[in-house]
């Protein structure tokens, strides 16, 4: 009887280790995916800000708007 309980405990231990491995690998995949998306968003945001600044400069040069009016223009 004790032999049966011993093997049952080992089986539970193996299942638990396997379950933890699956959960951890899934968790790591999720973390890596979130890091990847964050980098994409960050890079896109940098390009967007750079393009927006270039656009602001073009409007400013073309229309000779002061910076304050230009900022008000973008708030609307």
PDB file of N, CA and C in Angstrom:
ATOM      1  N   UNK A   1       0.829  -1.203   0.000  1.00  0.00           N
ATOM      2  CA  UNK A   1       0.000   0.000   0.000  1.00  0.00           C
ATOM      3  C   UNK A   1       0.866   1.257   0.000  1.00  0.00           C
ATOM      4  N   UNK A   2       1.905   1.261   0.832  1.00  0.00           N
ATOM      5  CA  UNK A   2       2.772   2.437   0.894  1.00  0.00           C
ATOM      6  C   UNK A   2       3.510   2.636  -0.434  1.00  0.00           C
ATOM      7  N   UNK A   3       3.807   1.515  -1.124  1.00  0.00           N
ATOM      8  CA  UNK A   3       4.461   1.587  -2.420  1.00  0.00           C
ATOM      9  C   UNK A   3       3.556   2.309  -3.427  1.00  0.00           C
ATOM     10  N   UNK A   4       2.269   1.995  -3.401  1.00  0.00           N
ATOM     11  CA  UNK A   4       1.293   2.630  -4.292  1.00  0.00           C
ATOM     12  C   UNK A   4       1.213   4.132  -4.019  1.00  0.00           C
ATOM     13  N   UNK A   5       1.162   4.508  -2.746  1.00  0.00           N
ATOM     14  CA  UNK A   5       1.098   5.931  -2.372  1.00  0.00           C
ATOM     15  C   UNK A   5       2.370   6.649  -2.818  1.00  0.00           C
ATOM     16  N   UNK A   6       3.508   5.981  -2.661  1.00  0.00           N
ATOM     17  CA  UNK A   6       4.789   6.555  -3.080  1.00  0.00           C
ATOM     18  C   UNK A   6       4.777   6.867  -4.579  1.00  0.00           C
ATOM     19  N   UNK A   7       4.334   5.898  -5.406  1.00  0.00           N
ATOM     20  CA  UNK A   7       4.294   6.117  -6.857  1.00  0.00           C
ATOM     21  C   UNK A   7       3.276   7.188  -7.233  1.00  0.00           C
ATOM     22  N   UNK A   8       2.188   7.229  -6.488  1.00  0.00           N
ATOM     23  CA  UNK A   8       1.169   8.258  -6.733  1.00  0.00           C
ATOM     24  C   UNK A   8       1.749   9.654  -6.473  1.00  0.00           C
ATOM     25  N   UNK A   9       2.516   9.778  -5.398  1.00  0.00           N
ATOM     26  CA  UNK A   9       3.152  11.063  -5.086  1.00  0.00           C
ATOM     27  C   UNK A   9       4.148  11.458  -6.175  1.00  0.00           C
ATOM     28  N   UNK A  10       4.914  10.479  -6.666  1.00  0.00           N
ATOM     29  CA  UNK A  10       5.881  10.760  -7.734  1.00  0.00           C
ATOM     30  C   UNK A  10       5.154  11.211  -8.997  1.00  0.00           C
ATOM     31  N   UNK A  11       4.045  10.529  -9.320  1.00  0.00           N
ATOM     32  CA  UNK A  11       3.267  10.925 -10.498  1.00  0.00           C
ATOM     33  C   UNK A  11       2.748  12.356 -10.350  1.00  0.00           C
ATOM     34  N   UNK A  12       2.244  12.675  -9.178  1.00  0.00           N
ATOM     35  CA  UNK A  12       1.752  14.043  -8.935  1.00  0.00           C
ATOM     36  C   UNK A  12       2.876  15.059  -9.085  1.00  0.00           C
ATOM     37  N   UNK A  13       4.049  14.691  -8.562  1.00  0.00           N
ATOM     38  CA  UNK A  13       5.212  15.582  -8.645  1.00  0.00           C
ATOM     39  C   UNK A  13       5.584  15.829 -10.104  1.00  0.00           C
ATOM     40  N   UNK A  14       5.598  14.758 -10.903  1.00  0.00           N
ATOM     41  CA  UNK A  14       5.935  14.881 -12.331  1.00  0.00           C
ATOM     42  C   UNK A  14       4.901  15.750 -13.041  1.00  0.00           C
ATOM     43  N   UNK A  15       3.625  15.524 -12.754  1.00  0.00           N
ATOM     44  CA  UNK A  15       2.572  16.339 -13.364  1.00  0.00           C
ATOM     45  C   UNK A  15       2.717  17.802 -12.978  1.00  0.00           C
ATOM     46  N   UNK A  16       3.015  18.041 -11.706  1.00  0.00           N
ATOM     47  CA  UNK A  16       3.167  19.414 -11.227  1.00  0.00           C
ATOM     48  C   UNK A  16       4.346  20.099 -11.910  1.00  0.00           C
ATOM     49  N   UNK A  17       5.472  19.389 -12.022  1.00  0.00           N
ATOM     50  CA  UNK A  17       6.655  19.955 -12.688  1.00  0.00           C
ATOM     51  C   UNK A  17       6.340  20.242 -14.155  1.00  0.00           C
ATOM     52  N   UNK A  18       5.668  19.297 -14.821  1.00  0.00           N
ATOM     53  CA  UNK A  18       5.286  19.500 -16.222  1.00  0.00           C
ATOM     54  C   UNK A  18       4.358  20.686 -16.377  1.00  0.00           C
ATOM     55  N   UNK A  19       3.381  20.796 -15.479  1.00  0.00           N
ATOM     56  CA  UNK A  19       2.434  21.916 -15.523  1.00  0.00           C
ATOM     57  C   UNK A  19       3.155  23.241 -15.310  1.00  0.00           C
ATOM     58  N   UNK A  20       4.066  23.275 -14.337  1.00  0.00           N
ATOM     59  CA  UNK A  20       4.814  24.506 -14.070  1.00  0.00           C
ATOM     60  C   UNK A  20       5.678  24.882 -15.266  1.00  0.00           C
ATOM     61  N   UNK A  21       6.263  23.881 -15.940  1.00  0.00           N
ATOM     62  CA  UNK A  21       7.092  24.155 -17.122  1.00  0.00           C
ATOM     63  C   UNK A  21       6.241  24.784 -18.230  1.00  0.00           C
ATOM     64  N   UNK A  22       5.057  24.212 -18.457  1.00  0.00           N
ATOM     65  CA  UNK A  22       4.166  24.741 -19.498  1.00  0.00           C
ATOM     66  C   UNK A  22       3.743  26.164 -19.153  1.00  0.00           C
ATOM     67  N   UNK A  23       3.363  26.388 -17.895  1.00  0.00           N
ATOM     68  CA  UNK A  23       2.927  27.723 -17.473  1.00  0.00           C
ATOM     69  C   UNK A  23       4.071  28.718 -17.615  1.00  0.00           C
ATOM     70  N   UNK A  24       5.263  28.341 -17.154  1.00  0.00           N
ATOM     71  CA  UNK A  24       6.404  29.256 -17.221  1.00  0.00           C
ATOM     72  C   UNK A  24       6.806  29.550 -18.659  1.00  0.00           C
ATOM     73  N   UNK A  25       6.797  28.539 -19.520  1.00  0.00           N
ATOM     74  CA  UNK A  25       7.170  28.790 -20.913  1.00  0.00           C
ATOM     75  C   UNK A  25       6.128  29.690 -21.569  1.00  0.00           C
ATOM     76  N   UNK A  26       4.854  29.479 -21.242  1.00  0.00           N
ATOM     77  CA  UNK A  26       3.802  30.356 -21.759  1.00  0.00           C
ATOM     78  C   UNK A  26       3.959  31.764 -21.229  1.00  0.00           C
ATOM     79  N   UNK A  27       4.319  31.872 -19.971  1.00  0.00           N
ATOM     80  CA  UNK A  27       4.526  33.189 -19.357  1.00  0.00           C
ATOM     81  C   UNK A  27       5.687  33.912 -20.023  1.00  0.00           C
ATOM     82  N   UNK A  28       6.774  33.172 -20.287  1.00  0.00           N
ATOM     83  CA  UNK A  28       7.937  33.790 -20.935  1.00  0.00           C
ATOM     84  C   UNK A  28       7.599  34.232 -22.354  1.00  0.00           C
ATOM     85  N   UNK A  29       6.808  33.422 -23.066  1.00  0.00           N
ATOM     86  CA  UNK A  29       6.388  33.809 -24.415  1.00  0.00           C
ATOM     87  C   UNK A  29       5.565  35.091 -24.358  1.00  0.00           C
ATOM     88  N   UNK A  30       4.684  35.179 -23.375  1.00  0.00           N
ATOM     89  CA  UNK A  30       3.862  36.379 -23.214  1.00  0.00           C
ATOM     90  C   UNK A  30       4.732  37.593 -22.923  1.00  0.00           C
ATOM     91  N   UNK A  31       5.706  37.434 -22.028  1.00  0.00           N
ATOM     92  CA  UNK A  31       6.606  38.543 -21.686  1.00  0.00           C
ATOM     93  C   UNK A  31       7.397  38.978 -22.915  1.00  0.00           C
ATOM     94  N   UNK A  32       7.913  38.012 -23.686  1.00  0.00           N
ATOM     95  CA  UNK A  32       8.678  38.352 -24.886  1.00  0.00           C
ATOM     96  C   UNK A  32       7.795  39.056 -25.914  1.00  0.00           C
ATOM     97  N   UNK A  33       6.550  38.601 -26.057  1.00  0.00           N
ATOM     98  CA  UNK A  33       5.621  39.235 -26.998  1.00  0.00           C
ATOM     99  C   UNK A  33       5.333  40.673 -26.578  1.00  0.00           C
ATOM    100  N   UNK A  34       5.110  40.891 -25.283  1.00  0.00           N
ATOM    101  CA  UNK A  34       4.831  42.248 -24.793  1.00  0.00           C
ATOM    102  C   UNK A  34       6.036  43.156 -24.993  1.00  0.00           C
ATOM    103  N   UNK A  35       7.250  42.632 -24.751  1.00  0.00           N
ATOM    104  CA  UNK A  35       8.459  43.427 -24.991  1.00  0.00           C
ATOM    105  C   UNK A  35       8.572  43.799 -26.464  1.00  0.00           C
ATOM    106  N   UNK A  36       8.284  42.843 -27.340  1.00  0.00           N
ATOM    107  CA  UNK A  36       8.345  43.074 -28.782  1.00  0.00           C
ATOM    108  C   UNK A  36       7.352  44.166 -29.189  1.00  0.00           C
ATOM    109  N   UNK A  37       6.116  44.076 -28.667  1.00  0.00           N
ATOM    110  CA  UNK A  37       5.098  45.071 -29.019  1.00  0.00           C
ATOM    111  C   UNK A  37       5.474  46.438 -28.458  1.00  0.00           C
ATOM    112  N   UNK A  38       6.032  46.453 -27.248  1.00  0.00           N
ATOM    113  CA  UNK A  38       6.431  47.728 -26.645  1.00  0.00           C
ATOM    114  C   UNK A  38       7.503  48.402 -27.493  1.00  0.00           C
ATOM    115  N   UNK A  39       8.483  47.598 -27.970  1.00  0.00           N
ATOM    116  CA  UNK A  39       9.534  48.155 -28.829  1.00  0.00           C
ATOM    117  C   UNK A  39       8.938  48.710 -30.112  1.00  0.00           C
ATOM    118  N   UNK A  40       7.994  47.961 -30.711  1.00  0.00           N
ATOM    119  CA  UNK A  40       7.354  48.422 -31.947  1.00  0.00           C
ATOM    120  C   UNK A  40       6.631  49.742 -31.707  1.00  0.00           C
ATOM    121  N   UNK A  41       5.860  49.811 -30.626  1.00  0.00           N
ATOM    122  CA  UNK A  41       5.103  51.031 -30.318  1.00  0.00           C
ATOM    123  C   UNK A  41       6.057  52.180 -30.051  1.00  0.00           C
ATOM    124  N   UNK A  42       7.136  51.908 -29.313  1.00  0.00           N
ATOM    125  CA  UNK A  42       8.108  52.952 -28.979  1.00  0.00           C
ATOM    126  C   UNK A  42       8.765  53.501 -30.240  1.00  0.00           C
ATOM    127  N   UNK A  43       9.182  52.591 -31.144  1.00  0.00           N
ATOM    128  CA  UNK A  43       9.826  53.016 -32.392  1.00  0.00           C
ATOM    129  C   UNK A  43       8.834  53.794 -33.251  1.00  0.00           C
ATOM    130  N   UNK A  44       7.593  53.291 -33.346  1.00  0.00           N
ATOM    131  CA  UNK A  44       6.565  53.992 -34.128  1.00  0.00           C
ATOM    132  C   UNK A  44       6.328  55.381 -33.557  1.00  0.00           C
ATOM    133  N   UNK A  45       6.279  55.471 -32.238  1.00  0.00           N
ATOM    134  CA  UNK A  45       6.043  56.753 -31.577  1.00  0.00           C
ATOM    135  C   UNK A  45       7.181  57.728 -31.868  1.00  0.00           C
ATOM    136  N   UNK A  46       8.423  57.224 -31.872  1.00  0.00           N
ATOM    137  CA  UNK A  46       9.569  58.078 -32.190  1.00  0.00           C
ATOM    138  C   UNK A  46       9.447  58.635 -33.602  1.00  0.00           C
ATOM    139  N   UNK A  47       9.120  57.741 -34.561  1.00  0.00           N
ATOM    140  CA  UNK A  47       8.979  58.184 -35.947  1.00  0.00           C
ATOM    141  C   UNK A  47       7.823  59.166 -36.086  1.00  0.00           C
ATOM    142  N   UNK A  48       6.723  58.875 -35.376  1.00  0.00           N
ATOM    143  CA  UNK A  48       5.552  59.748 -35.463  1.00  0.00           C
ATOM    144  C   UNK A  48       5.899  61.139 -34.938  1.00  0.00           C
ATOM    145  N   UNK A  49       6.591  61.191 -33.802  1.00  0.00           N
ATOM    146  CA  UNK A  49       6.975  62.490 -33.222  1.00  0.00           C
ATOM    147  C   UNK A  49       7.923  63.230 -34.159  1.00  0.00           C
ATOM    148  N   UNK A  50       8.861  62.495 -34.747  1.00  0.00           N
ATOM    149  CA  UNK A  50       9.813  63.118 -35.659  1.00  0.00           C
ATOM    150  C   UNK A  50       9.078  63.689 -36.878  1.00  0.00           C
ATOM    151  N   UNK A  51       8.150  62.893 -37.445  1.00  0.00           N
ATOM    152  CA  UNK A  51       7.378  63.363 -38.597  1.00  0.00           C
ATOM    153  C   UNK A  51       6.495  64.543 -38.224  1.00  0.00           C
ATOM    154  N   UNK A  52       5.914  64.486 -37.033  1.00  0.00           N
ATOM    155  CA  UNK A  52       5.051  65.577 -36.573  1.00  0.00           C
ATOM    156  C   UNK A  52       5.873  66.856 -36.409  1.00  0.00           C
ATOM    157  N   UNK A  53       7.078  66.729 -35.872  1.00  0.00           N
ATOM    158  CA  UNK A  53       7.940  67.900 -35.707  1.00  0.00           C
ATOM    159  C   UNK A  53       8.343  68.475 -37.056  1.00  0.00           C
ATOM    160  N   UNK A  54       8.647  67.586 -38.020  1.00  0.00           N
ATOM    161  CA  UNK A  54       8.993  68.066 -39.359  1.00  0.00           C
ATOM    162  C   UNK A  54       7.800  68.782 -39.984  1.00  0.00           C
ATOM    163  N   UNK A  55       6.610  68.205 -39.775  1.00  0.00           N
ATOM    164  CA  UNK A  55       5.384  68.811 -40.306  1.00  0.00           C
ATOM    165  C   UNK A  55       5.160  70.185 -39.671  1.00  0.00           C
ATOM    166  N   UNK A  56       5.370  70.261 -38.355  1.00  0.00           N
ATOM    167  CA  UNK A  56       5.230  71.542 -37.643  1.00  0.00           C
ATOM    168  C   UNK A  56       6.196  72.574 -38.200  1.00  0.00           C
ATOM    169  N   UNK A  57       7.430  72.160 -38.455  1.00  0.00           N
ATOM    170  CA  UNK A  57       8.436  73.088 -38.992  1.00  0.00           C
ATOM    171  C   UNK A  57       8.022  73.582 -40.369  1.00  0.00           C
ATOM    172  N   UNK A  58       7.502  72.665 -41.204  1.00  0.00           N
ATOM    173  CA  UNK A  58       7.082  73.062 -42.550  1.00  0.00           C
ATOM    174  C   UNK A  58       5.941  74.074 -42.480  1.00  0.00           C
ATOM    175  N   UNK A  59       4.953  73.792 -41.626  1.00  0.00           N
ATOM    176  CA  UNK A  59       3.825  74.729 -41.485  1.00  0.00           C
ATOM    177  C   UNK A  59       4.339  76.071 -40.983  1.00  0.00           C
ATOM    178  N   UNK A  60       5.220  76.003 -40.010  1.00  0.00           N
ATOM    179  CA  UNK A  60       5.742  77.231 -39.412  1.00  0.00           C
ATOM    180  C   UNK A  60       6.507  78.061 -40.442  1.00  0.00           C
ATOM    181  N   UNK A  61       7.344  77.390 -41.219  1.00  0.00           N
ATOM    182  CA  UNK A  61       8.136  78.093 -42.231  1.00  0.00           C
ATOM    183  C   UNK A  61       7.219  78.639 -43.321  1.00  0.00           C
ATOM    184  N   UNK A  62       6.247  77.804 -43.718  1.00  0.00           N
ATOM    185  CA  UNK A  62       5.376  78.214 -44.821  1.00  0.00           C
ATOM    186  C   UNK A  62       4.441  79.350 -44.411  1.00  0.00           C
ATOM    187  N   UNK A  63       3.819  79.223 -43.238  1.00  0.00           N
ATOM    188  CA  UNK A  63       2.821  80.205 -42.809  1.00  0.00           C
ATOM    189  C   UNK A  63       3.388  81.271 -41.884  1.00  0.00           C
ATOM    190  N   UNK A  64       4.634  81.074 -41.459  1.00  0.00           N
ATOM    191  CA  UNK A  64       5.276  81.995 -40.513  1.00  0.00           C
ATOM    192  C   UNK A  64       4.455  82.144 -39.228  1.00  0.00           C
ATOM    193  N   UNK A  65       4.021  80.994 -38.726  1.00  0.00           N
ATOM    194  CA  UNK A  65       3.260  81.017 -37.469  1.00  0.00           C
ATOM    195  C   UNK A  65       4.230  80.956 -36.297  1.00  0.00           C
ATOM    196  N   UNK A  66       3.949  81.703 -35.242  1.00  0.00           N
ATOM    197  CA  UNK A  66       4.747  81.511 -34.020  1.00  0.00           C
ATOM    198  C   UNK A  66       4.418  80.157 -33.389  1.00  0.00           C
ATOM    199  N   UNK A  67       5.317  79.683 -32.558  1.00  0.00           N
ATOM    200  CA  UNK A  67       5.182  78.350 -31.970  1.00  0.00           C
ATOM    201  C   UNK A  67       3.903  78.215 -31.144  1.00  0.00           C
ATOM    202  N   UNK A  68       3.529  79.254 -30.417  1.00  0.00           N
ATOM    203  CA  UNK A  68       2.336  79.180 -29.562  1.00  0.00           C
ATOM    204  C   UNK A  68       1.084  78.948 -30.408  1.00  0.00           C
ATOM    205  N   UNK A  69       0.980  79.665 -31.521  1.00  0.00           N
ATOM    206  CA  UNK A  69      -0.185  79.482 -32.388  1.00  0.00           C
ATOM    207  C   UNK A  69      -0.177  78.099 -33.027  1.00  0.00           C
ATOM    208  N   UNK A  70       1.009  77.620 -33.326  1.00  0.00           N
ATOM    209  CA  UNK A  70       1.131  76.287 -33.912  1.00  0.00           C
ATOM    210  C   UNK A  70       0.655  75.217 -32.927  1.00  0.00           C
ATOM    211  N   UNK A  71       1.016  75.374 -31.658  1.00  0.00           N
ATOM    212  CA  UNK A  71       0.575  74.419 -30.640  1.00  0.00           C
ATOM    213  C   UNK A  71      -0.932  74.490 -30.450  1.00  0.00           C
ATOM    214  N   UNK A  72      -1.484  75.692 -30.489  1.00  0.00           N
ATOM    215  CA  UNK A  72      -2.938  75.840 -30.381  1.00  0.00           C
ATOM    216  C   UNK A  72      -3.635  75.199 -31.577  1.00  0.00           C
ATOM    217  N   UNK A  73      -3.019  75.306 -32.739  1.00  0.00           N
ATOM    218  CA  UNK A  73      -3.576  74.721 -33.954  1.00  0.00           C
ATOM    219  C   UNK A  73      -3.718  73.205 -33.806  1.00  0.00           C
ATOM    220  N   UNK A  74      -2.746  72.563 -33.143  1.00  0.00           N
ATOM    221  CA  UNK A  74      -2.778  71.102 -32.995  1.00  0.00           C
ATOM    222  C   UNK A  74      -3.673  70.646 -31.858  1.00  0.00           C
ATOM    223  N   UNK A  75      -4.039  71.524 -30.963  1.00  0.00           N
ATOM    224  CA  UNK A  75      -4.917  71.128 -29.858  1.00  0.00           C
ATOM    225  C   UNK A  75      -6.343  70.907 -30.332  1.00  0.00           C
ATOM    226  N   UNK A  76      -6.725  71.609 -31.380  1.00  0.00           N
ATOM    227  CA  UNK A  76      -8.109  71.501 -31.870  1.00  0.00           C
ATOM    228  C   UNK A  76      -8.365  70.171 -32.518  1.00  0.00           C
TER     229      UNK A  76
END
